[in-house]
Amino acid sequence: MRYSQVGVALLSVMFILTLLTTFAVYMVEEDHLLLRRAQNQRTITQGTQLAFGSEQWAARVIQRDLKLSKTDHLGEDWNKLGSPVSVNDGKLRTTITDLHSRFNLNNLSSRDKVWYPAFKRLLRLLELDETLVEAIVDWIDSDQQRTHAGGAEDLEYQLNDPPYRAANQSMADLGELLYVQGFTAEIVELLAPFVTVIPNAKVTKINVNTCPPLLLQILGDQMTAADAESLANARGETGFESIEIFLQRPELAGEANVTAEPMISLSSEFFQINSQVSIDRLGLNMESIVTRNAARESVSVISRKRGYL
């Protein structure tokens, strides 16, 4: 009986020790999680601040460019960024893209005589269905009337699962194309290097000093790939100095000279700043669209988008 009582007491002590050990391990793990959460929050805050610093720095580069040149071209300082920089135990990479080097989809608010046929030419060059332009026009315009058999309005979008409506206003983001009838992820990926969406912007022209050769080819129906490459090479390191000089190029003789003029510029107002931050185990990307006011010599942010890499 005595040995039985001793055994029970020993088991009780072991049970209590086990409970205390489990509780201690739990407390240590809980403290570790709290510490890790605090570290993660600090890293996110630090990374976000670095991204905002990158944005401000890039904005100053764009602003300073106004004093250096009246035109924008690929040889300028804003296009020379991109090398990773070590900052506060992390790495920061800043790049600037001239949004006038791309076709602004918000120009397609109607079946006009300038941007509508130009975008159809771009679709042909990419071997895409030309009727896709109709769906974009209907997505942006303010009415509920289909512009063409290839277009779509609320009646068509309500048949989707889940149903939704046409935006009937300017696009806010390139990803919005995935909701437009006829567009797939593959089509958007193919278009992405040549198109952009500038929120709430007026019609924006294409900067022929910074755009890729394919966009030079959409300036006229008779423009060939060789013509576009020749024009791109003629830009040299500092681009064309005037619209007149550009329009006098032999590649633009005839019809292209007339169709190109209303679409082109040599200076840019809208830019996209990409700030990529790598710190600890965090990868952060901030995409900022900014507008540059030449008269005020100022740069303002019109939209931001953040994500994790």
Protein backbone atom coordinates (compact mmCIF):
# COMPACT_ATOMS: atom_id res chain seq x y z
CA MET A 1 0.00 0.00 0.00
CA ARG A 2 2.85 2.32 0.95
CA TYR A 3 4.70 1.63 -2.33
CA SER A 4 1.46 2.25 -4.24
CA GLN A 5 1.08 5.72 -2.64
CA VAL A 6 4.69 6.58 -3.48
CA GLY A 7 4.11 5.56 -7.10
CA VAL A 8 0.99 7.70 -7.38
CA ALA A 9 2.86 10.68 -5.89
CA LEU A 10 5.72 10.17 -8.33
CA LEU A 11 3.33 10.01 -11.28
CA SER A 12 1.62 13.19 -10.06
CA VAL A 13 4.94 15.00 -9.84
CA MET A 14 5.92 13.82 -13.33
CA PHE A 15 2.55 14.91 -14.69
CA ILE A 16 2.93 18.37 -13.15
CA LEU A 17 6.47 18.68 -14.52
CA THR A 18 5.22 17.70 -17.95
CA LEU A 19 2.50 20.35 -17.79
CA LEU A 20 4.99 22.99 -16.65
CA THR A 21 7.44 22.04 -19.41
CA THR A 22 4.69 22.15 -22.06
CA PHE A 23 3.51 25.52 -20.77
CA ALA A 24 7.07 26.87 -20.79
CA VAL A 25 7.62 25.68 -24.39
CA TYR A 26 4.30 27.22 -25.40
CA MET A 27 5.25 30.55 -23.81
CA VAL A 28 8.64 30.55 -25.54
CA GLU A 29 7.00 29.79 -28.91
CA GLU A 30 4.40 32.50 -28.33
CA ASP A 31 7.13 35.01 -27.46
CA HIS A 32 9.03 33.96 -30.58
CA LEU A 33 5.95 34.49 -32.77
CA LEU A 34 5.29 37.90 -31.23
CA LEU A 35 8.92 38.85 -31.79
CA ARG A 36 8.80 37.63 -35.39
CA ARG A 37 5.58 39.56 -36.03
CA ALA A 38 7.19 42.70 -34.65
CA GLN A 39 10.26 42.15 -36.83
CA ASN A 40 8.09 41.56 -39.91
CA GLN A 41 6.10 44.72 -39.23
CA ARG A 42 9.30 46.70 -38.79
CA THR A 43 10.69 45.28 -42.06
CA ILE A 44 7.48 46.12 -43.95
CA THR A 45 7.51 49.67 -42.56
CA GLN A 46 11.18 50.06 -43.43
CA GLY A 47 10.66 48.66 -46.94
CA THR A 48 7.66 50.93 -47.54
CA GLN A 49 9.62 53.99 -46.48
CA LEU A 50 12.46 53.00 -48.82
CA ALA A 51 9.95 52.67 -51.68
CA PHE A 52 8.55 56.14 -50.97
CA GLY A 53 12.10 57.50 -50.85
CA SER A 54 12.78 55.88 -54.22
CA GLU A 55 9.65 57.51 -55.65
CA GLN A 56 10.70 60.97 -54.41
CA TRP A 57 14.22 60.54 -55.75
CA ALA A 58 12.94 59.48 -59.19
CA ALA A 59 10.49 62.40 -59.22
CA ARG A 60 13.40 64.79 -58.66
CA VAL A 61 15.29 63.23 -61.58
CA ILE A 62 12.23 63.74 -63.82
CA GLN A 63 11.78 67.30 -62.55
CA ARG A 64 15.45 68.20 -63.06
CA ASP A 65 15.21 66.94 -66.64
CA LEU A 66 12.92 69.88 -67.47
CA LYS A 67 15.83 72.28 -67.00
CA LEU A 68 18.19 70.21 -69.14
CA SER A 69 16.15 69.60 -72.29
CA LYS A 70 12.90 70.55 -74.01
CA THR A 71 12.55 67.06 -75.47
CA ASP A 72 12.63 63.61 -73.87
CA HIS A 73 14.75 60.80 -75.26
CA LEU A 74 16.35 57.53 -74.15
CA GLY A 75 19.75 59.09 -73.54
CA GLU A 76 18.53 61.15 -70.57
CA ASP A 77 19.27 60.50 -66.90
CA TRP A 78 15.77 59.22 -66.07
CA ASN A 79 16.36 56.28 -68.45
CA LYS A 80 19.73 55.40 -66.92
CA LEU A 81 18.43 54.28 -63.53
CA GLY A 82 18.00 50.61 -62.68
CA SER A 83 21.18 49.52 -60.92
CA PRO A 84 20.50 48.03 -57.44
CA VAL A 85 21.63 50.22 -54.54
CA SER A 86 22.40 48.94 -51.01
CA VAL A 87 20.40 50.90 -48.42
CA ASN A 88 19.82 50.09 -44.73
CA ASP A 89 20.68 46.37 -44.93
CA GLY A 90 18.54 46.03 -48.03
CA LYS A 91 18.63 46.62 -51.77
CA LEU A 92 16.67 49.20 -53.72
CA ARG A 93 16.15 49.28 -57.49
CA THR A 94 14.47 52.28 -59.13
CA THR A 95 13.40 52.47 -62.78
CA ILE A 96 11.46 55.07 -64.75
CA THR A 97 9.34 54.37 -67.83
CA ASP A 98 8.09 57.06 -70.17
CA LEU A 99 4.38 56.30 -70.55
CA HIS A 100 4.31 58.29 -73.78
CA SER A 101 6.49 55.53 -75.22
CA ARG A 102 3.35 53.38 -75.24
CA PHE A 103 -0.15 53.56 -76.69
CA ASN A 104 -2.57 54.94 -74.08
CA LEU A 105 -5.69 52.75 -74.25
CA ASN A 106 -7.78 55.60 -72.83
CA ASN A 107 -7.31 57.34 -76.19
CA LEU A 108 -9.88 54.85 -77.54
CA SER A 109 -12.97 56.61 -76.23
CA SER A 110 -14.55 56.61 -79.70
CA ARG A 111 -14.08 55.33 -83.24
CA ASP A 112 -12.13 58.45 -84.18
CA LYS A 113 -9.94 58.93 -87.26
CA VAL A 114 -6.60 58.93 -85.42
CA TRP A 115 -6.27 56.48 -82.52
CA TYR A 116 -8.89 53.94 -83.57
CA PRO A 117 -7.19 52.99 -86.88
CA ALA A 118 -3.75 53.21 -85.25
CA PHE A 119 -4.71 50.64 -82.63
CA LYS A 120 -6.14 48.37 -85.31
CA ARG A 121 -2.77 48.55 -87.02
CA LEU A 122 -1.08 47.54 -83.74
CA LEU A 123 -3.42 44.56 -83.39
CA ARG A 124 -2.63 43.47 -86.95
CA LEU A 125 1.10 43.71 -86.34
CA LEU A 126 0.74 41.52 -83.25
CA GLU A 127 -1.46 39.11 -85.25
CA LEU A 128 -4.44 39.71 -82.96
CA ASP A 129 -8.12 40.02 -83.85
CA GLU A 130 -8.79 43.62 -84.97
CA THR A 131 -12.30 43.57 -83.50
CA LEU A 132 -10.74 43.70 -80.02
CA VAL A 133 -10.60 47.47 -80.49
CA GLU A 134 -14.42 47.58 -80.58
CA ALA A 135 -14.67 45.98 -77.15
CA ILE A 136 -12.27 48.56 -75.68
CA VAL A 137 -14.21 51.46 -77.19
CA ASP A 138 -17.47 50.13 -75.71
CA TRP A 139 -15.80 49.50 -72.34
CA ILE A 140 -14.64 53.14 -72.14
CA ASP A 141 -17.42 55.12 -73.83
CA SER A 142 -20.29 56.41 -71.69
CA ASP A 143 -23.24 54.93 -73.58
CA GLN A 144 -24.84 51.49 -73.77
CA GLN A 145 -24.78 51.22 -77.57
CA ARG A 146 -22.47 48.68 -79.14
CA THR A 147 -20.20 50.46 -81.64
CA HIS A 148 -19.75 47.31 -83.74
CA ALA A 149 -20.59 43.62 -83.80
CA GLY A 150 -17.29 42.98 -82.00
CA GLY A 151 -18.19 45.36 -79.17
CA ALA A 152 -19.91 44.63 -75.85
CA GLU A 153 -22.00 46.52 -73.32
CA ASP A 154 -23.87 45.61 -70.13
CA LEU A 155 -26.17 43.20 -71.96
CA GLU A 156 -23.21 40.99 -72.92
CA TYR A 157 -21.31 41.31 -69.65
CA GLN A 158 -24.40 40.39 -67.63
CA LEU A 159 -24.24 36.93 -69.23
CA ASN A 160 -20.86 36.21 -67.59
CA ASP A 161 -20.50 34.20 -64.39
CA PRO A 162 -20.39 36.20 -62.22
CA PRO A 163 -22.17 38.96 -64.15
CA TYR A 164 -20.82 42.54 -64.18
CA ARG A 165 -21.21 45.77 -66.10
CA ALA A 166 -19.07 47.67 -68.58
CA ALA A 167 -16.99 50.40 -66.93
CA ASN A 168 -18.27 53.16 -69.25
CA GLN A 169 -15.37 55.36 -68.18
CA SER A 170 -11.61 55.61 -68.65
CA MET A 171 -9.57 52.61 -67.56
CA ALA A 172 -7.73 52.87 -64.26
CA ASP A 173 -5.27 50.00 -64.70
CA LEU A 174 -3.97 47.78 -67.50
CA GLY A 175 -5.25 44.71 -65.62
CA GLU A 176 -8.77 45.95 -66.33
CA LEU A 177 -8.35 44.57 -69.85
CA LEU A 178 -8.95 41.08 -68.45
CA TYR A 179 -12.60 42.07 -67.89
CA VAL A 180 -13.06 43.33 -71.45
CA GLN A 181 -14.73 40.92 -73.86
CA GLY A 182 -12.29 38.92 -75.97
CA PHE A 183 -9.18 39.61 -73.90
CA THR A 184 -7.23 36.83 -72.20
CA ALA A 185 -4.12 36.84 -70.03
CA GLU A 186 -2.06 35.78 -73.06
CA ILE A 187 -3.37 38.67 -75.17
CA VAL A 188 -2.74 41.19 -72.38
CA GLU A 189 0.80 39.87 -71.93
CA LEU A 190 1.45 40.27 -75.65
CA LEU A 191 0.12 43.85 -75.66
CA ALA A 192 1.74 44.95 -72.39
CA PRO A 193 5.10 46.17 -73.79
CA PHE A 194 3.31 48.50 -76.20
CA VAL A 195 0.26 49.83 -74.33
CA THR A 196 -0.47 51.63 -71.10
CA VAL A 197 -3.35 53.06 -69.11
CA ILE A 198 -3.03 56.57 -67.71
CA PRO A 199 -5.86 57.18 -65.22
CA ASN A 200 -8.04 60.23 -65.91
CA ALA A 201 -5.61 61.55 -68.52
CA LYS A 202 -6.49 63.52 -71.61
CA VAL A 203 -5.45 62.06 -74.95
CA THR A 204 -1.71 61.42 -74.81
CA LYS A 205 0.54 61.35 -77.84
CA ILE A 206 3.31 58.86 -78.59
CA ASN A 207 6.85 60.11 -78.00
CA VAL A 208 8.73 59.01 -81.12
CA ASN A 209 12.05 59.54 -79.31
CA THR A 210 11.29 56.85 -76.71
CA CYS A 211 8.78 54.39 -78.19
CA PRO A 212 9.73 50.91 -79.49
CA PRO A 213 10.03 50.46 -83.28
CA LEU A 214 6.73 48.57 -83.45
CA LEU A 215 4.83 51.71 -82.39
CA LEU A 216 6.63 53.71 -85.06
CA GLN A 217 5.24 51.20 -87.52
CA ILE A 218 1.62 52.01 -86.57
CA LEU A 219 2.04 55.62 -87.74
CA GLY A 220 0.82 54.64 -91.21
CA ASP A 221 -0.66 51.71 -93.12
CA GLN A 222 2.30 51.58 -95.51
CA MET A 223 4.98 51.64 -92.81
CA THR A 224 7.14 48.51 -92.87
CA ALA A 225 9.24 46.95 -90.13
CA ALA A 226 12.34 48.15 -92.01
CA ASP A 227 10.95 51.73 -92.07
CA ALA A 228 10.34 51.60 -88.31
CA GLU A 229 13.82 50.27 -87.58
CA SER A 230 15.32 52.97 -89.79
CA LEU A 231 13.42 55.67 -87.89
CA ALA A 232 14.48 54.23 -84.54
CA ASN A 233 18.13 54.20 -85.63
CA ALA A 234 17.85 57.79 -86.91
CA ARG A 235 17.04 58.98 -83.39
CA GLY A 236 20.67 58.56 -82.37
CA GLU A 237 21.64 59.20 -78.75
CA THR A 238 19.68 62.44 -78.32
CA GLY A 239 16.56 61.80 -80.39
CA PHE A 240 14.90 64.03 -82.98
CA GLU A 241 15.15 67.74 -82.18
CA SER A 242 11.82 68.75 -83.73
CA ILE A 243 8.61 67.29 -85.12
CA GLU A 244 9.41 68.92 -88.46
CA ILE A 245 12.72 67.06 -88.74
CA PHE A 246 10.97 63.78 -87.89
CA LEU A 247 8.18 64.30 -90.46
CA GLN A 248 10.72 65.07 -93.18
CA ARG A 249 12.21 61.59 -92.91
CA PRO A 250 11.87 59.60 -96.18
CA GLU A 251 10.26 56.69 -94.27
CA LEU A 252 7.26 58.95 -93.69
CA ALA A 253 6.76 60.07 -97.27
CA GLY A 254 3.18 60.07 -98.48
CA GLU A 255 0.25 58.89 -96.36
CA ALA A 256 2.28 58.21 -93.22
CA ASN A 257 3.33 61.87 -93.02
CA VAL A 258 -0.33 62.89 -92.70
CA THR A 259 -1.51 60.15 -90.34
CA ALA A 260 1.53 60.43 -88.04
CA GLU A 261 1.43 64.15 -87.22
CA PRO A 262 -1.57 64.19 -84.82
CA MET A 263 -0.23 61.17 -82.92
CA ILE A 264 3.33 62.16 -82.13
CA SER A 265 5.35 64.29 -79.72
CA LEU A 266 8.95 64.66 -78.60
CA SER A 267 8.25 65.45 -74.95
CA SER A 268 6.46 63.54 -72.21
CA GLU A 269 4.17 64.42 -69.33
CA PHE A 270 3.45 61.06 -67.70
CA PHE A 271 5.99 58.61 -66.29
CA GLN A 272 5.86 55.37 -64.31
CA ILE A 273 8.25 54.89 -61.41
CA ASN A 274 8.95 51.33 -60.26
CA SER A 275 10.54 50.93 -56.83
CA GLN A 276 11.68 47.40 -55.94
CA VAL A 277 12.84 46.83 -52.36
CA SER A 278 14.54 43.69 -51.05
CA ILE A 279 15.17 43.67 -47.30
CA ASP A 280 15.47 40.65 -44.97
CA ARG A 281 12.94 38.19 -46.44
CA LEU A 282 10.69 40.92 -47.84
CA GLY A 283 10.33 41.75 -51.51
CA LEU A 284 8.23 44.86 -52.12
CA ASN A 285 7.32 46.61 -55.39
CA MET A 286 5.64 50.01 -55.66
CA GLU A 287 4.44 51.29 -59.01
CA SER A 288 3.76 55.04 -59.14
CA ILE A 289 2.34 57.00 -62.06
CA VAL A 290 3.41 60.64 -61.98
CA THR A 291 2.65 63.68 -64.08
CA ARG A 292 5.15 66.41 -64.83
CA ASN A 293 3.96 70.01 -65.20
CA ALA A 294 6.43 71.87 -67.41
CA ALA A 295 5.00 75.31 -66.63
CA ARG A 296 5.29 74.82 -62.86
CA GLU A 297 8.37 72.60 -63.10
CA SER A 298 6.68 70.18 -60.69
CA VAL A 299 6.01 66.44 -60.50
CA SER A 300 2.90 64.99 -58.82
CA VAL A 301 1.79 61.43 -58.09
CA ILE A 302 -1.58 60.50 -59.60
CA SER A 303 -1.70 56.82 -58.60
CA ARG A 304 0.21 54.18 -56.65
CA LYS A 305 0.05 50.40 -56.57
CA ARG A 306 1.96 48.21 -54.11
CA GLY A 307 2.57 44.47 -54.01
CA TYR A 308 4.94 41.85 -52.65
CA LEU A 309 7.47 40.01 -54.76
